[in-house]
């Protein structure tokens, strides 16, 4: 299949397929006319990259999952290296959530102090959520 078809079937754009190729994650042979041809193996790799991207794992961090598929595993996360990649992604997300929570808390505190100085009631909060250790 050509790049447009593999992109459509995988649920990504042609630009995404080319990006994956630039990272060396997908390598399709060229025909005599210069067109790349893709098969089910490529489609599976592209779908794996897309699915992991939807979970927040960037394309450049999908190699353990793709290597696992290359071994013949039924799923890209059937290998220990893939599990380690999940753990790293979770740790990264937890760190970012902690940072966002701290920034939100700082904004809430600044709003409260400014509200007292200005002497106006605080506007109703759009979100009553207060970050706690249990909610992270």
Protein backbone atom coordinates (compact mmCIF):
# COMPACT_ATOMS: atom_id res chain seq x y z
CA UNK A 1 0.00 0.00 0.00
CA UNK A 2 1.12 3.57 -0.56
CA UNK A 3 1.76 6.16 2.14
CA UNK A 4 -1.72 7.70 1.94
CA UNK A 5 -3.42 4.35 2.44
CA UNK A 6 -1.20 3.23 5.31
CA UNK A 7 -1.69 6.60 6.99
CA UNK A 8 -5.46 6.40 6.63
CA UNK A 9 -5.65 2.82 7.85
CA UNK A 10 -3.41 3.63 10.83
CA UNK A 11 -5.38 6.75 11.73
CA UNK A 12 -2.51 9.19 11.26
CA UNK A 13 -1.50 11.78 8.69
CA UNK A 14 0.94 11.28 5.85
CA UNK A 15 3.12 13.85 7.60
CA UNK A 16 3.16 11.65 10.72
CA UNK A 17 4.28 8.63 8.70
CA UNK A 18 7.10 10.69 7.21
CA UNK A 19 8.06 11.87 10.69
CA UNK A 20 8.20 8.27 11.95
CA UNK A 21 10.39 7.45 8.97
CA UNK A 22 12.71 10.37 9.80
CA UNK A 23 13.13 8.88 13.28
CA UNK A 24 13.95 5.49 11.79
CA UNK A 25 10.86 3.89 13.35
CA UNK A 26 9.33 2.90 10.01
CA UNK A 27 11.38 1.93 6.98
CA UNK A 28 9.53 1.06 3.80
CA UNK A 29 11.20 -0.11 0.60
CA UNK A 30 10.94 1.96 -2.54
CA UNK A 31 9.54 0.62 -5.78
CA UNK A 32 11.13 1.30 -9.16
CA UNK A 33 8.93 4.39 -9.51
CA UNK A 34 10.33 5.82 -6.25
CA UNK A 35 7.16 5.27 -4.23
CA UNK A 36 7.46 3.66 -0.83
CA UNK A 37 5.33 0.59 -0.30
CA UNK A 38 4.00 -0.40 3.08
CA UNK A 39 2.67 -3.72 4.31
CA UNK A 40 0.81 -5.00 7.37
CA UNK A 41 4.04 -4.97 9.40
CA UNK A 42 4.45 -1.23 8.78
CA UNK A 43 0.78 -0.64 9.52
CA UNK A 44 1.10 -2.42 12.85
CA UNK A 45 4.18 -0.36 13.79
CA UNK A 46 2.47 2.92 12.86
CA UNK A 47 -0.64 1.99 14.85
CA UNK A 48 1.54 1.13 17.85
CA UNK A 49 3.29 4.50 17.65
CA UNK A 50 -0.07 6.29 17.35
CA UNK A 51 -1.59 4.41 20.28
CA UNK A 52 1.40 5.09 22.50
CA UNK A 53 1.31 8.75 21.45
CA UNK A 54 -2.30 8.95 22.58
CA UNK A 55 -1.08 7.74 25.98
CA UNK A 56 1.55 10.46 26.10
CA UNK A 57 4.58 8.44 24.99
CA UNK A 58 6.38 10.40 22.30
CA UNK A 59 7.29 8.70 19.04
CA UNK A 60 10.99 8.83 19.82
CA UNK A 61 10.37 6.76 22.98
CA UNK A 62 8.43 3.94 21.28
CA UNK A 63 11.41 1.90 20.15
CA UNK A 64 11.17 -0.72 22.97
CA UNK A 65 7.58 -1.44 21.93
CA UNK A 66 8.48 -1.65 18.24
CA UNK A 67 11.46 -3.88 18.99
CA UNK A 68 9.10 -6.11 20.95
CA UNK A 69 6.74 -6.37 17.97
CA UNK A 70 9.74 -7.23 15.79
CA UNK A 71 10.42 -10.28 17.97
CA UNK A 72 7.01 -11.66 17.02
CA UNK A 73 5.33 -10.75 20.29
CA UNK A 74 1.56 -10.47 20.17
CA UNK A 75 1.69 -6.95 21.64
CA UNK A 76 4.29 -4.23 21.81
CA UNK A 77 4.28 -4.37 25.59
CA UNK A 78 4.93 -8.10 25.92
CA UNK A 79 8.63 -7.47 26.63
CA UNK A 80 10.42 -6.28 29.78
CA UNK A 81 11.92 -3.23 28.03
CA UNK A 82 8.43 -2.06 27.15
CA UNK A 83 7.35 -2.32 30.77
CA UNK A 84 10.37 -0.21 31.73
CA UNK A 85 9.31 2.37 29.13
CA UNK A 86 5.82 2.46 30.69
CA UNK A 87 7.37 3.03 34.10
CA UNK A 88 9.51 5.88 32.76
CA UNK A 89 6.50 7.49 31.09
CA UNK A 90 4.46 7.23 34.29
CA UNK A 91 7.29 8.77 36.30
CA UNK A 92 7.60 11.62 33.78
CA UNK A 93 3.85 12.27 33.89
CA UNK A 94 3.80 12.18 37.68
CA UNK A 95 6.60 14.74 37.76
CA UNK A 96 4.74 17.01 35.32
CA UNK A 97 1.52 16.66 37.32
CA UNK A 98 3.37 17.59 40.49
CA UNK A 99 4.80 20.66 38.75
CA UNK A 100 1.39 21.69 37.44
CA UNK A 101 -0.16 21.19 40.87
CA UNK A 102 2.50 23.40 42.46
CA UNK A 103 1.96 26.08 39.82
CA UNK A 104 -1.80 25.93 40.31
CA UNK A 105 -1.39 26.20 44.08
CA UNK A 106 0.87 29.24 43.62
CA UNK A 107 -1.73 30.88 41.37
CA UNK A 108 -4.52 30.21 43.88
CA UNK A 109 -2.37 31.73 46.65
CA UNK A 110 -1.53 34.81 44.56
CA UNK A 111 -5.21 35.27 43.70
CA UNK A 112 -6.16 35.06 47.37
CA UNK A 113 -3.51 37.64 48.38
CA UNK A 114 -4.42 39.98 45.54
CA UNK A 115 -8.11 39.68 46.35
CA UNK A 116 -7.46 40.78 49.94
CA UNK A 117 -5.32 43.73 48.77
CA UNK A 118 -7.87 44.88 46.24
CA UNK A 119 -10.72 44.39 48.70
CA UNK A 120 -13.04 42.58 46.38
CA UNK A 121 -14.50 39.16 46.90
CA UNK A 122 -12.74 36.38 45.07
CA UNK A 123 -14.56 35.32 41.93
CA UNK A 124 -16.15 31.91 42.17
CA UNK A 125 -13.62 29.24 41.35
CA UNK A 126 -14.33 27.38 38.14
CA UNK A 127 -12.78 24.32 39.69
CA UNK A 128 -13.01 23.63 43.39
CA UNK A 129 -10.22 21.06 43.17
CA UNK A 130 -7.40 21.56 45.61
CA UNK A 131 -4.30 19.51 44.89
CA UNK A 132 -3.45 17.05 47.63
CA UNK A 133 -1.04 14.17 47.81
CA UNK A 134 -3.96 11.75 47.60
CA UNK A 135 -5.20 13.25 44.33
CA UNK A 136 -1.86 13.12 42.56
